[in-house]
Amino acid sequence: MRYLSLFANLTQGNATFRNYILGKEVGTVFIDNIVLYPGEKNEFPMRATIDNGPILEALGKKPYCDETKGVLPFQLSGKTVVNHGKSLSYFADALASHNQTIDIDVGTPVAKLLGHPVECAKAA
């Protein structure tokens, strides 16, 4: 019962993150309607607007085209946090103070779409 009163006061917010691949900014990640609960089981769906060119370029480079089979290291850096239309810069600044790297398997869906695995680019 004690926890119900704690959760009743929680509010939802939205956060955006700059998204990088191999040091180049490629887009923005959006996490909407975030409510943080005590513990480690805070999981949220996310969506993104991404420039595909740098992603496809990275897929053609080693080690991503062979050893990691298309798993790319995306870096996220906090951009904005908004709650009820009010910018919460102290949260955004904290999220921007350290990049978080997330490995995402991009190669498998691209290979399925193309009908064959992504190959390493030939040296020019």
PDB file of N, CA and C in Angstrom:
ATOM      1  N   MET A   1       0.822  -1.185   0.000  1.00  0.00           N
ATOM      2  CA  MET A   1       0.000   0.000   0.000  1.00  0.00           C
ATOM      3  C   MET A   1       0.869   1.253   0.000  1.00  0.00           C
ATOM      4  N   ARG A   2       1.987   1.204   0.705  1.00  0.00           N
ATOM      5  CA  ARG A   2       2.909   2.338   0.764  1.00  0.00           C
ATOM      6  C   ARG A   2       3.403   2.713  -0.634  1.00  0.00           C
ATOM      7  N   TYR A   3       3.684   1.692  -1.484  1.00  0.00           N
ATOM      8  CA  TYR A   3       4.190   1.956  -2.819  1.00  0.00           C
ATOM      9  C   TYR A   3       3.141   2.623  -3.712  1.00  0.00           C
ATOM     10  N   LEU A   4       1.880   2.281  -3.521  1.00  0.00           N
ATOM     11  CA  LEU A   4       0.838   2.904  -4.332  1.00  0.00           C
ATOM     12  C   LEU A   4       0.829   4.409  -4.160  1.00  0.00           C
ATOM     13  N   SER A   5       1.020   4.883  -2.939  1.00  0.00           N
ATOM     14  CA  SER A   5       1.022   6.330  -2.714  1.00  0.00           C
ATOM     15  C   SER A   5       2.248   6.970  -3.355  1.00  0.00           C
ATOM     16  N   LEU A   6       3.370   6.260  -3.394  1.00  0.00           N
ATOM     17  CA  LEU A   6       4.559   6.798  -4.054  1.00  0.00           C
ATOM     18  C   LEU A   6       4.329   6.913  -5.555  1.00  0.00           C
ATOM     19  N   PHE A   7       3.760   5.875  -6.171  1.00  0.00           N
ATOM     20  CA  PHE A   7       3.554   5.875  -7.612  1.00  0.00           C
ATOM     21  C   PHE A   7       2.475   6.855  -8.042  1.00  0.00           C
ATOM     22  N   ALA A   8       1.546   7.151  -7.172  1.00  0.00           N
ATOM     23  CA  ALA A   8       0.469   8.075  -7.531  1.00  0.00           C
ATOM     24  C   ALA A   8       1.010   9.468  -7.837  1.00  0.00           C
ATOM     25  N   ASN A   9       2.176   9.807  -7.308  1.00  0.00           N
ATOM     26  CA  ASN A   9       2.755  11.127  -7.513  1.00  0.00           C
ATOM     27  C   ASN A   9       3.739  11.185  -8.677  1.00  0.00           C
ATOM     28  N   LEU A  10       3.999  10.052  -9.323  1.00  0.00           N
ATOM     29  CA  LEU A  10       4.935  10.036 -10.442  1.00  0.00           C
ATOM     30  C   LEU A  10       4.282  10.640 -11.678  1.00  0.00           C
ATOM     31  N   THR A  11       5.079  11.315 -12.488  1.00  0.00           N
ATOM     32  CA  THR A  11       4.559  11.897 -13.716  1.00  0.00           C
ATOM     33  C   THR A  11       5.375  11.404 -14.901  1.00  0.00           C
ATOM     34  N   GLN A  12       4.795  11.545 -16.078  1.00  0.00           N
ATOM     35  CA  GLN A  12       5.454  11.105 -17.294  1.00  0.00           C
ATOM     36  C   GLN A  12       6.254  12.235 -17.904  1.00  0.00           C
ATOM     37  N   GLY A  13       7.339  11.842 -18.573  1.00  0.00           N
ATOM     38  CA  GLY A  13       8.155  12.808 -19.293  1.00  0.00           C
ATOM     39  C   GLY A  13       8.666  12.204 -20.589  1.00  0.00           C
ATOM     40  N   ASN A  14       9.274  13.036 -21.415  1.00  0.00           N
ATOM     41  CA  ASN A  14       9.844  12.604 -22.689  1.00  0.00           C
ATOM     42  C   ASN A  14      11.324  12.965 -22.711  1.00  0.00           C
ATOM     43  N   ALA A  15      12.119  12.114 -23.335  1.00  0.00           N
ATOM     44  CA  ALA A  15      13.554  12.378 -23.451  1.00  0.00           C
ATOM     45  C   ALA A  15      13.998  12.147 -24.891  1.00  0.00           C
ATOM     46  N   THR A  16      14.962  12.952 -25.329  1.00  0.00           N
ATOM     47  CA  THR A  16      15.580  12.736 -26.636  1.00  0.00           C
ATOM     48  C   THR A  16      17.084  12.589 -26.435  1.00  0.00           C
ATOM     49  N   PHE A  17      17.692  11.842 -27.346  1.00  0.00           N
ATOM     50  CA  PHE A  17      19.124  11.581 -27.300  1.00  0.00           C
ATOM     51  C   PHE A  17      19.730  11.793 -28.673  1.00  0.00           C
ATOM     52  N   ARG A  18      20.928  12.374 -28.712  1.00  0.00           N
ATOM     53  CA  ARG A  18      21.696  12.412 -29.958  1.00  0.00           C
ATOM     54  C   ARG A  18      22.215  11.001 -30.187  1.00  0.00           C
ATOM     55  N   ASN A  19      22.218  10.575 -31.435  1.00  0.00           N
ATOM     56  CA  ASN A  19      22.642   9.229 -31.774  1.00  0.00           C
ATOM     57  C   ASN A  19      23.856   9.308 -32.687  1.00  0.00           C
ATOM     58  N   TYR A  20      24.911   8.572 -32.347  1.00  0.00           N
ATOM     59  CA  TYR A  20      26.165   8.596 -33.096  1.00  0.00           C
ATOM     60  C   TYR A  20      26.528   7.184 -33.532  1.00  0.00           C
ATOM     61  N   ILE A  21      27.173   7.094 -34.703  1.00  0.00           N
ATOM     62  CA  ILE A  21      27.797   5.845 -35.131  1.00  0.00           C
ATOM     63  C   ILE A  21      29.203   6.199 -35.584  1.00  0.00           C
ATOM     64  N   LEU A  22      30.185   5.525 -35.028  1.00  0.00           N
ATOM     65  CA  LEU A  22      31.597   5.752 -35.337  1.00  0.00           C
ATOM     66  C   LEU A  22      31.957   7.240 -35.216  1.00  0.00           C
ATOM     67  N   GLY A  23      31.437   7.890 -34.192  1.00  0.00           N
ATOM     68  CA  GLY A  23      31.769   9.286 -33.900  1.00  0.00           C
ATOM     69  C   GLY A  23      31.005  10.322 -34.694  1.00  0.00           C
ATOM     70  N   LYS A  24      30.113   9.897 -35.596  1.00  0.00           N
ATOM     71  CA  LYS A  24      29.352  10.840 -36.420  1.00  0.00           C
ATOM     72  C   LYS A  24      27.892  10.847 -35.972  1.00  0.00           C
ATOM     73  N   GLU A  25      27.361  12.068 -35.733  1.00  0.00           N
ATOM     74  CA  GLU A  25      25.955  12.156 -35.349  1.00  0.00           C
ATOM     75  C   GLU A  25      25.080  11.759 -36.531  1.00  0.00           C
ATOM     76  N   VAL A  26      24.147  10.821 -36.276  1.00  0.00           N
ATOM     77  CA  VAL A  26      23.321  10.292 -37.362  1.00  0.00           C
ATOM     78  C   VAL A  26      21.826  10.483 -37.127  1.00  0.00           C
ATOM     79  N   GLY A  27      21.444  11.028 -35.986  1.00  0.00           N
ATOM     80  CA  GLY A  27      20.017  11.220 -35.773  1.00  0.00           C
ATOM     81  C   GLY A  27      19.650  11.431 -34.324  1.00  0.00           C
ATOM     82  N   THR A  28      18.360  11.280 -34.063  1.00  0.00           N
ATOM     83  CA  THR A  28      17.805  11.509 -32.734  1.00  0.00           C
ATOM     84  C   THR A  28      16.974  10.304 -32.318  1.00  0.00           C
ATOM     85  N   VAL A  29      17.143   9.909 -31.062  1.00  0.00           N
ATOM     86  CA  VAL A  29      16.354   8.841 -30.461  1.00  0.00           C
ATOM     87  C   VAL A  29      15.334   9.496 -29.527  1.00  0.00           C
ATOM     88  N   PHE A  30      14.100   9.015 -29.579  1.00  0.00           N
ATOM     89  CA  PHE A  30      13.014   9.553 -28.764  1.00  0.00           C
ATOM     90  C   PHE A  30      12.490   8.470 -27.830  1.00  0.00           C
ATOM     91  N   ILE A  31      12.355   8.804 -26.558  1.00  0.00           N
ATOM     92  CA  ILE A  31      11.691   7.922 -25.597  1.00  0.00           C
ATOM     93  C   ILE A  31      10.559   8.745 -24.994  1.00  0.00           C
ATOM     94  N   ASP A  32       9.336   8.303 -25.246  1.00  0.00           N
ATOM     95  CA  ASP A  32       8.162   9.049 -24.826  1.00  0.00           C
ATOM     96  C   ASP A  32       7.509   8.419 -23.593  1.00  0.00           C
ATOM     97  N   ASN A  33       6.864   9.255 -22.819  1.00  0.00           N
ATOM     98  CA  ASN A  33       6.052   8.810 -21.679  1.00  0.00           C
ATOM     99  C   ASN A  33       6.821   7.977 -20.665  1.00  0.00           C
ATOM    100  N   ILE A  34       7.972   8.477 -20.259  1.00  0.00           N
ATOM    101  CA  ILE A  34       8.814   7.785 -19.290  1.00  0.00           C
ATOM    102  C   ILE A  34       8.273   8.014 -17.880  1.00  0.00           C
ATOM    103  N   VAL A  35       8.127   6.922 -17.150  1.00  0.00           N
ATOM    104  CA  VAL A  35       7.864   6.980 -15.719  1.00  0.00           C
ATOM    105  C   VAL A  35       8.889   6.053 -15.090  1.00  0.00           C
ATOM    106  N   LEU A  36       9.739   6.583 -14.218  1.00  0.00           N
ATOM    107  CA  LEU A  36      10.762   5.773 -13.566  1.00  0.00           C
ATOM    108  C   LEU A  36      10.211   5.173 -12.283  1.00  0.00           C
ATOM    109  N   TYR A  37      10.440   3.885 -12.127  1.00  0.00           N
ATOM    110  CA  TYR A  37      10.012   3.174 -10.940  1.00  0.00           C
ATOM    111  C   TYR A  37      11.241   2.708 -10.173  1.00  0.00           C
ATOM    112  N   PRO A  38      11.127   2.488  -8.879  1.00  0.00           N
ATOM    113  CA  PRO A  38      12.272   1.971  -8.105  1.00  0.00           C
ATOM    114  C   PRO A  38      12.717   0.624  -8.661  1.00  0.00           C
ATOM    115  N   GLY A  39      14.012   0.373  -8.612  1.00  0.00           N
ATOM    116  CA  GLY A  39      14.532  -0.902  -9.082  1.00  0.00           C
ATOM    117  C   GLY A  39      15.169  -0.791 -10.454  1.00  0.00           C
ATOM    118  N   GLU A  40      15.492  -1.952 -11.018  1.00  0.00           N
ATOM    119  CA  GLU A  40      16.230  -2.009 -12.270  1.00  0.00           C
ATOM    120  C   GLU A  40      15.374  -2.389 -13.472  1.00  0.00           C
ATOM    121  N   LYS A  41      14.085  -2.493 -13.327  1.00  0.00           N
ATOM    122  CA  LYS A  41      13.242  -2.986 -14.420  1.00  0.00           C
ATOM    123  C   LYS A  41      12.550  -1.865 -15.173  1.00  0.00           C
ATOM    124  N   ASN A  42      13.246  -0.786 -15.408  1.00  0.00           N
ATOM    125  CA  ASN A  42      12.708   0.298 -16.206  1.00  0.00           C
ATOM    126  C   ASN A  42      13.079   0.075 -17.664  1.00  0.00           C
ATOM    127  N   GLU A  43      12.103  -0.326 -18.479  1.00  0.00           N
ATOM    128  CA  GLU A  43      12.315  -0.547 -19.898  1.00  0.00           C
ATOM    129  C   GLU A  43      11.289   0.276 -20.665  1.00  0.00           C
ATOM    130  N   PHE A  44      11.742   0.901 -21.758  1.00  0.00           N
ATOM    131  CA  PHE A  44      10.872   1.780 -22.519  1.00  0.00           C
ATOM    132  C   PHE A  44      11.064   1.547 -24.007  1.00  0.00           C
ATOM    133  N   PRO A  45       9.975   1.585 -24.766  1.00  0.00           N
ATOM    134  CA  PRO A  45      10.138   1.541 -26.219  1.00  0.00           C
ATOM    135  C   PRO A  45      10.756   2.849 -26.700  1.00  0.00           C
ATOM    136  N   MET A  46      11.497   2.780 -27.770  1.00  0.00           N
ATOM    137  CA  MET A  46      12.091   3.992 -28.326  1.00  0.00           C
ATOM    138  C   MET A  46      11.881   4.002 -29.828  1.00  0.00           C
ATOM    139  N   ARG A  47      11.975   5.183 -30.380  1.00  0.00           N
ATOM    140  CA  ARG A  47      11.897   5.352 -31.824  1.00  0.00           C
ATOM    141  C   ARG A  47      13.017   6.301 -32.211  1.00  0.00           C
ATOM    142  N   ALA A  48      13.363   6.330 -33.475  1.00  0.00           N
ATOM    143  CA  ALA A  48      14.491   7.165 -33.890  1.00  0.00           C
ATOM    144  C   ALA A  48      14.302   7.679 -35.301  1.00  0.00           C
ATOM    145  N   THR A  49      14.911   8.812 -35.549  1.00  0.00           N
ATOM    146  CA  THR A  49      15.046   9.360 -36.891  1.00  0.00           C
ATOM    147  C   THR A  49      16.530   9.297 -37.198  1.00  0.00           C
ATOM    148  N   ILE A  50      16.913   8.468 -38.158  1.00  0.00           N
ATOM    149  CA  ILE A  50      18.320   8.165 -38.411  1.00  0.00           C
ATOM    150  C   ILE A  50      18.655   8.393 -39.885  1.00  0.00           C
ATOM    151  N   ASP A  51      19.846   8.938 -40.151  1.00  0.00           N
ATOM    152  CA  ASP A  51      20.383   9.061 -41.506  1.00  0.00           C
ATOM    153  C   ASP A  51      20.976   7.695 -41.875  1.00  0.00           C
ATOM    154  N   ASN A  52      20.398   7.022 -42.839  1.00  0.00           N
ATOM    155  CA  ASN A  52      20.805   5.657 -43.183  1.00  0.00           C
ATOM    156  C   ASN A  52      22.179   5.564 -43.831  1.00  0.00           C
ATOM    157  N   GLY A  53      22.642   6.614 -44.517  1.00  0.00           N
ATOM    158  CA  GLY A  53      23.920   6.562 -45.222  1.00  0.00           C
ATOM    159  C   GLY A  53      25.087   6.137 -44.349  1.00  0.00           C
ATOM    160  N   PRO A  54      25.325   6.811 -43.223  1.00  0.00           N
ATOM    161  CA  PRO A  54      26.441   6.409 -42.358  1.00  0.00           C
ATOM    162  C   PRO A  54      26.282   5.005 -41.773  1.00  0.00           C
ATOM    163  N   ILE A  55      25.049   4.563 -41.594  1.00  0.00           N
ATOM    164  CA  ILE A  55      24.816   3.216 -41.064  1.00  0.00           C
ATOM    165  C   ILE A  55      25.248   2.181 -42.102  1.00  0.00           C
ATOM    166  N   LEU A  56      24.825   2.372 -43.343  1.00  0.00           N
ATOM    167  CA  LEU A  56      25.209   1.445 -44.412  1.00  0.00           C
ATOM    168  C   LEU A  56      26.718   1.476 -44.647  1.00  0.00           C
ATOM    169  N   GLU A  57      27.309   2.662 -44.539  1.00  0.00           N
ATOM    170  CA  GLU A  57      28.769   2.783 -44.679  1.00  0.00           C
ATOM    171  C   GLU A  57      29.488   1.992 -43.582  1.00  0.00           C
ATOM    172  N   ALA A  58      29.007   2.110 -42.351  1.00  0.00           N
ATOM    173  CA  ALA A  58      29.619   1.379 -41.230  1.00  0.00           C
ATOM    174  C   ALA A  58      29.471  -0.125 -41.415  1.00  0.00           C
ATOM    175  N   LEU A  59      28.329  -0.574 -41.946  1.00  0.00           N
ATOM    176  CA  LEU A  59      28.122  -2.008 -42.176  1.00  0.00           C
ATOM    177  C   LEU A  59      29.133  -2.588 -43.146  1.00  0.00           C
ATOM    178  N   GLY A  60      29.675  -1.766 -44.053  1.00  0.00           N
ATOM    179  CA  GLY A  60      30.650  -2.237 -45.031  1.00  0.00           C
ATOM    180  C   GLY A  60      32.083  -2.188 -44.539  1.00  0.00           C
ATOM    181  N   LYS A  61      32.304  -1.724 -43.302  1.00  0.00           N
ATOM    182  CA  LYS A  61      33.659  -1.628 -42.746  1.00  0.00           C
ATOM    183  C   LYS A  61      33.935  -2.761 -41.773  1.00  0.00           C
ATOM    184  N   LYS A  62      35.213  -3.151 -41.709  1.00  0.00           N
ATOM    185  CA  LYS A  62      35.637  -4.129 -40.708  1.00  0.00           C
ATOM    186  C   LYS A  62      35.712  -3.433 -39.358  1.00  0.00           C
ATOM    187  N   PRO A  63      35.348  -4.055 -38.297  1.00  0.00           N
ATOM    188  CA  PRO A  63      34.970  -5.458 -38.112  1.00  0.00           C
ATOM    189  C   PRO A  63      33.476  -5.724 -38.287  1.00  0.00           C
ATOM    190  N   TYR A  64      32.685  -4.694 -38.603  1.00  0.00           N
ATOM    191  CA  TYR A  64      31.228  -4.826 -38.618  1.00  0.00           C
ATOM    192  C   TYR A  64      30.719  -5.687 -39.761  1.00  0.00           C
ATOM    193  N   CYS A  65      31.455  -5.762 -40.860  1.00  0.00           N
ATOM    194  CA  CYS A  65      31.006  -6.548 -42.007  1.00  0.00           C
ATOM    195  C   CYS A  65      31.413  -8.014 -41.902  1.00  0.00           C
ATOM    196  N   ASP A  66      32.300  -8.352 -40.984  1.00  0.00           N
ATOM    197  CA  ASP A  66      32.676  -9.754 -40.878  1.00  0.00           C
ATOM    198  C   ASP A  66      32.620 -10.275 -39.445  1.00  0.00           C
ATOM    199  N   GLU A  67      33.445  -9.774 -38.565  1.00  0.00           N
ATOM    200  CA  GLU A  67      33.539 -10.329 -37.211  1.00  0.00           C
ATOM    201  C   GLU A  67      32.272 -10.143 -36.380  1.00  0.00           C
ATOM    202  N   THR A  68      31.682  -8.968 -36.413  1.00  0.00           N
ATOM    203  CA  THR A  68      30.504  -8.722 -35.573  1.00  0.00           C
ATOM    204  C   THR A  68      29.198  -9.006 -36.296  1.00  0.00           C
ATOM    205  N   LYS A  69      29.274  -9.383 -37.568  1.00  0.00           N
ATOM    206  CA  LYS A  69      28.095  -9.757 -38.359  1.00  0.00           C
ATOM    207  C   LYS A  69      27.031  -8.662 -38.389  1.00  0.00           C
ATOM    208  N   GLY A  70      27.473  -7.407 -38.456  1.00  0.00           N
ATOM    209  CA  GLY A  70      26.524  -6.307 -38.597  1.00  0.00           C
ATOM    210  C   GLY A  70      26.007  -5.714 -37.314  1.00  0.00           C
ATOM    211  N   VAL A  71      26.593  -6.092 -36.186  1.00  0.00           N
ATOM    212  CA  VAL A  71      26.214  -5.481 -34.912  1.00  0.00           C
ATOM    213  C   VAL A  71      27.025  -4.194 -34.774  1.00  0.00           C
ATOM    214  N   LEU A  72      26.329  -3.068 -34.732  1.00  0.00           N
ATOM    215  CA  LEU A  72      26.985  -1.759 -34.713  1.00  0.00           C
ATOM    216  C   LEU A  72      26.896  -1.111 -33.339  1.00  0.00           C
ATOM    217  N   PRO A  73      27.982  -0.421 -32.925  1.00  0.00           N
ATOM    218  CA  PRO A  73      27.983   0.270 -31.628  1.00  0.00           C
ATOM    219  C   PRO A  73      27.429   1.699 -31.768  1.00  0.00           C
ATOM    220  N   PHE A  74      26.194   1.884 -31.388  1.00  0.00           N
ATOM    221  CA  PHE A  74      25.588   3.210 -31.403  1.00  0.00           C
ATOM    222  C   PHE A  74      25.864   3.892 -30.070  1.00  0.00           C
ATOM    223  N   GLN A  75      26.207   5.166 -30.125  1.00  0.00           N
ATOM    224  CA  GLN A  75      26.398   5.934 -28.899  1.00  0.00           C
ATOM    225  C   GLN A  75      25.207   6.882 -28.745  1.00  0.00           C
ATOM    226  N   LEU A  76      24.725   6.987 -27.523  1.00  0.00           N
ATOM    227  CA  LEU A  76      23.626   7.887 -27.197  1.00  0.00           C
ATOM    228  C   LEU A  76      24.126   8.933 -26.217  1.00  0.00           C
ATOM    229  N   SER A  77      23.720  10.165 -26.453  1.00  0.00           N
ATOM    230  CA  SER A  77      24.059  11.268 -25.556  1.00  0.00           C
ATOM    231  C   SER A  77      22.794  12.075 -25.316  1.00  0.00           C
ATOM    232  N   GLY A  78      22.481  12.336 -24.066  1.00  0.00           N
ATOM    233  CA  GLY A  78      21.265  13.062 -23.725  1.00  0.00           C
ATOM    234  C   GLY A  78      21.162  14.393 -24.448  1.00  0.00           C
ATOM    235  N   LYS A  79      19.948  14.732 -24.869  1.00  0.00           N
ATOM    236  CA  LYS A  79      19.709  15.973 -25.584  1.00  0.00           C
ATOM    237  C   LYS A  79      18.681  16.822 -24.833  1.00  0.00           C
ATOM    238  N   THR A  80      17.470  16.302 -24.655  1.00  0.00           N
ATOM    239  CA  THR A  80      16.435  17.051 -23.934  1.00  0.00           C
ATOM    240  C   THR A  80      15.637  16.120 -23.034  1.00  0.00           C
ATOM    241  N   VAL A  81      15.095  16.691 -21.969  1.00  0.00           N
ATOM    242  CA  VAL A  81      14.122  16.022 -21.112  1.00  0.00           C
ATOM    243  C   VAL A  81      13.020  17.039 -20.859  1.00  0.00           C
ATOM    244  N   VAL A  82      11.782  16.625 -21.139  1.00  0.00           N
ATOM    245  CA  VAL A  82      10.642  17.535 -21.007  1.00  0.00           C
ATOM    246  C   VAL A  82       9.556  16.849 -20.197  1.00  0.00           C
ATOM    247  N   ASN A  83       8.987  17.590 -19.250  1.00  0.00           N
ATOM    248  CA  ASN A  83       7.885  17.084 -18.442  1.00  0.00           C
ATOM    249  C   ASN A  83       6.794  18.137 -18.430  1.00  0.00           C
ATOM    250  N   HIS A  84       5.618  17.782 -18.930  1.00  0.00           N
ATOM    251  CA  HIS A  84       4.480  18.717 -19.010  1.00  0.00           C
ATOM    252  C   HIS A  84       4.869  20.017 -19.698  1.00  0.00           C
ATOM    253  N   GLY A  85       5.634  19.927 -20.782  1.00  0.00           N
ATOM    254  CA  GLY A  85       6.025  21.095 -21.560  1.00  0.00           C
ATOM    255  C   GLY A  85       7.179  21.893 -20.985  1.00  0.00           C
ATOM    256  N   LYS A  86       7.670  21.494 -19.823  1.00  0.00           N
ATOM    257  CA  LYS A  86       8.774  22.217 -19.177  1.00  0.00           C
ATOM    258  C   LYS A  86      10.086  21.462 -19.375  1.00  0.00           C
ATOM    259  N   SER A  87      11.091  22.160 -19.883  1.00  0.00           N
ATOM    260  CA  SER A  87      12.410  21.570 -20.090  1.00  0.00           C
ATOM    261  C   SER A  87      13.094  21.350 -18.740  1.00  0.00           C
ATOM    262  N   LEU A  88      13.610  20.149 -18.540  1.00  0.00           N
ATOM    263  CA  LEU A  88      14.328  19.818 -17.307  1.00  0.00           C
ATOM    264  C   LEU A  88      15.814  19.695 -17.644  1.00  0.00           C
ATOM    265  N   SER A  89      16.475  20.839 -17.728  1.00  0.00           N
ATOM    266  CA  SER A  89      17.872  20.867 -18.178  1.00  0.00           C
ATOM    267  C   SER A  89      18.798  20.100 -17.240  1.00  0.00           C
ATOM    268  N   TYR A  90      18.490  20.033 -15.946  1.00  0.00           N
ATOM    269  CA  TYR A  90      19.368  19.300 -15.024  1.00  0.00           C
ATOM    270  C   TYR A  90      19.386  17.813 -15.349  1.00  0.00           C
ATOM    271  N   PHE A  91      18.261  17.254 -15.810  1.00  0.00           N
ATOM    272  CA  PHE A  91      18.251  15.861 -16.248  1.00  0.00           C
ATOM    273  C   PHE A  91      18.954  15.710 -17.592  1.00  0.00           C
ATOM    274  N   ALA A  92      18.665  16.617 -18.517  1.00  0.00           N
ATOM    275  CA  ALA A  92      19.286  16.555 -19.845  1.00  0.00           C
ATOM    276  C   ALA A  92      20.801  16.682 -19.734  1.00  0.00           C
ATOM    277  N   ASP A  93      21.272  17.597 -18.899  1.00  0.00           N
ATOM    278  CA  ASP A  93      22.717  17.782 -18.710  1.00  0.00           C
ATOM    279  C   ASP A  93      23.362  16.529 -18.132  1.00  0.00           C
ATOM    280  N   ALA A  94      22.673  15.898 -17.191  1.00  0.00           N
ATOM    281  CA  ALA A  94      23.203  14.667 -16.588  1.00  0.00           C
ATOM    282  C   ALA A  94      23.289  13.557 -17.633  1.00  0.00           C
ATOM    283  N   LEU A  95      22.261  13.427 -18.475  1.00  0.00           N
ATOM    284  CA  LEU A  95      22.263  12.391 -19.514  1.00  0.00           C
ATOM    285  C   LEU A  95      23.288  12.681 -20.610  1.00  0.00           C
ATOM    286  N   ALA A  96      23.639  13.955 -20.797  1.00  0.00           N
ATOM    287  CA  ALA A  96      24.617  14.336 -21.826  1.00  0.00           C
ATOM    288  C   ALA A  96      26.051  14.257 -21.324  1.00  0.00           C
ATOM    289  N   SER A  97      26.236  14.079 -20.031  1.00  0.00           N
ATOM    290  CA  SER A  97      27.591  14.120 -19.469  1.00  0.00           C
ATOM    291  C   SER A  97      28.423  12.886 -19.813  1.00  0.00           C
ATOM    292  N   HIS A  98      27.784  11.810 -20.238  1.00  0.00           N
ATOM    293  CA  HIS A  98      28.514  10.582 -20.565  1.00  0.00           C
ATOM    294  C   HIS A  98      27.746   9.814 -21.632  1.00  0.00           C
ATOM    295  N   ASN A  99      28.402   9.511 -22.746  1.00  0.00           N
ATOM    296  CA  ASN A  99      27.761   8.715 -23.795  1.00  0.00           C
ATOM    297  C   ASN A  99      27.554   7.286 -23.323  1.00  0.00           C
ATOM    298  N   GLN A 100      26.453   6.711 -23.753  1.00  0.00           N
ATOM    299  CA  GLN A 100      26.147   5.322 -23.477  1.00  0.00           C
ATOM    300  C   GLN A 100      26.219   4.580 -24.797  1.00  0.00           C
ATOM    301  N   THR A 101      26.953   3.471 -24.862  1.00  0.00           N
ATOM    302  CA  THR A 101      27.062   2.694 -26.090  1.00  0.00           C
ATOM    303  C   THR A 101      26.110   1.509 -26.038  1.00  0.00           C
ATOM    304  N   ILE A 102      25.369   1.341 -27.128  1.00  0.00           N
ATOM    305  CA  ILE A 102      24.412   0.253 -27.236  1.00  0.00           C
ATOM    306  C   ILE A 102      24.681  -0.469 -28.549  1.00  0.00           C
ATOM    307  N   ASP A 103      24.934  -1.769 -28.470  1.00  0.00           N
ATOM    308  CA  ASP A 103      25.156  -2.573 -29.668  1.00  0.00           C
ATOM    309  C   ASP A 103      23.815  -2.998 -30.246  1.00  0.00           C
ATOM    310  N   ILE A 104      23.611  -2.703 -31.523  1.00  0.00           N
ATOM    311  CA  ILE A 104      22.356  -3.038 -32.191  1.00  0.00           C
ATOM    312  C   ILE A 104      22.671  -3.846 -33.447  1.00  0.00           C
ATOM    313  N   ASP A 105      21.970  -4.970 -33.586  1.00  0.00           N
ATOM    314  CA  ASP A 105      22.136  -5.825 -34.766  1.00  0.00           C
ATOM    315  C   ASP A 105      21.378  -5.203 -35.937  1.00  0.00           C
ATOM    316  N   VAL A 106      22.108  -4.515 -36.779  1.00  0.00           N
ATOM    317  CA  VAL A 106      21.541  -3.907 -37.982  1.00  0.00           C
ATOM    318  C   VAL A 106      21.750  -4.847 -39.169  1.00  0.00           C
ATOM    319  N   GLY A 107      22.797  -5.648 -39.115  1.00  0.00           N
ATOM    320  CA  GLY A 107      23.157  -6.522 -40.229  1.00  0.00           C
ATOM    321  C   GLY A 107      22.110  -7.561 -40.567  1.00  0.00           C
ATOM    322  N   THR A 108      21.481  -8.169 -39.565  1.00  0.00           N
ATOM    323  CA  THR A 108      20.498  -9.224 -39.825  1.00  0.00           C
ATOM    324  C   THR A 108      19.292  -8.708 -40.604  1.00  0.00           C
ATOM    325  N   PRO A 109      18.638  -7.625 -40.172  1.00  0.00           N
ATOM    326  CA  PRO A 109      17.499  -7.158 -40.961  1.00  0.00           C
ATOM    327  C   PRO A 109      17.896  -6.641 -42.352  1.00  0.00           C
ATOM    328  N   VAL A 110      19.078  -6.030 -42.464  1.00  0.00           N
ATOM    329  CA  VAL A 110      19.530  -5.546 -43.777  1.00  0.00           C
ATOM    330  C   VAL A 110      19.798  -6.748 -44.687  1.00  0.00           C
ATOM    331  N   ALA A 111      20.421  -7.802 -44.155  1.00  0.00           N
ATOM    332  CA  ALA A 111      20.689  -9.004 -44.951  1.00  0.00           C
ATOM    333  C   ALA A 111      19.383  -9.659 -45.408  1.00  0.00           C
ATOM    334  N   LYS A 112      18.379  -9.686 -44.530  1.00  0.00           N
ATOM    335  CA  LYS A 112      17.081 -10.255 -44.913  1.00  0.00           C
ATOM    336  C   LYS A 112      16.440  -9.429 -46.022  1.00  0.00           C
ATOM    337  N   LEU A 113      16.548  -8.124 -45.908  1.00  0.00           N
ATOM    338  CA  LEU A 113      15.983  -7.228 -46.920  1.00  0.00           C
ATOM    339  C   LEU A 113      16.675  -7.413 -48.273  1.00  0.00           C
ATOM    340  N   LEU A 114      18.025  -7.544 -48.247  1.00  0.00           N
ATOM    341  CA  LEU A 114      18.799  -7.691 -49.478  1.00  0.00           C
ATOM    342  C   LEU A 114      18.781  -9.114 -50.027  1.00  0.00           C
ATOM    343  N   GLY A 115      18.509 -10.071 -49.152  1.00  0.00           N
ATOM    344  CA  GLY A 115      18.527 -11.472 -49.574  1.00  0.00           C
ATOM    345  C   GLY A 115      19.899 -12.111 -49.483  1.00  0.00           C
ATOM    346  N   HIS A 116      20.880 -11.391 -48.921  1.00  0.00           N
ATOM    347  CA  HIS A 116      22.229 -11.934 -48.711  1.00  0.00           C
ATOM    348  C   HIS A 116      22.939 -11.096 -47.651  1.00  0.00           C
ATOM    349  N   PRO A 117      23.971 -11.654 -47.009  1.00  0.00           N
ATOM    350  CA  PRO A 117      24.699 -10.900 -45.978  1.00  0.00           C
ATOM    351  C   PRO A 117      25.387  -9.659 -46.552  1.00  0.00           C
ATOM    352  N   VAL A 118      25.581  -8.677 -45.704  1.00  0.00           N
ATOM    353  CA  VAL A 118      26.304  -7.475 -46.096  1.00  0.00           C
ATOM    354  C   VAL A 118      27.778  -7.838 -46.230  1.00  0.00           C
ATOM    355  N   GLU A 119      28.375  -7.426 -47.334  1.00  0.00           N
ATOM    356  CA  GLU A 119      29.786  -7.722 -47.579  1.00  0.00           C
ATOM    357  C   GLU A 119      30.654  -6.522 -47.258  1.00  0.00           C
ATOM    358  N   CYS A 120      31.913  -6.797 -46.968  1.00  0.00           N
ATOM    359  CA  CYS A 120      32.875  -5.727 -46.700  1.00  0.00           C
ATOM    360  C   CYS A 120      33.141  -4.950 -47.989  1.00  0.00           C
ATOM    361  N   ALA A 121      33.241  -3.632 -47.850  1.00  0.00           N
ATOM    362  CA  ALA A 121      33.534  -2.784 -49.009  1.00  0.00           C
ATOM    363  C   ALA A 121      34.943  -3.093 -49.496  1.00  0.00           C
ATOM    364  N   LYS A 122      35.109  -3.076 -50.797  1.00  0.00           N
ATOM    365  CA  LYS A 122      36.440  -3.307 -51.363  1.00  0.00           C
ATOM    366  C   LYS A 122      37.266  -2.046 -51.244  1.00  0.00           C
ATOM    367  N   ALA A 123      38.558  -2.185 -50.945  1.00  0.00           N
ATOM    368  CA  ALA A 123      39.456  -1.032 -50.803  1.00  0.00           C
ATOM    369  C   ALA A 123      39.595  -0.333 -52.161  1.00  0.00           C
ATOM    370  N   ALA A 124      39.588   0.983 -52.111  1.00  0.00           N
ATOM    371  CA  ALA A 124      39.675   1.758 -53.357  1.00  0.00           C
ATOM    372  C   ALA A 124      41.101   1.897 -53.830  1.00  0.00           C
TER     373      ALA A 124
END
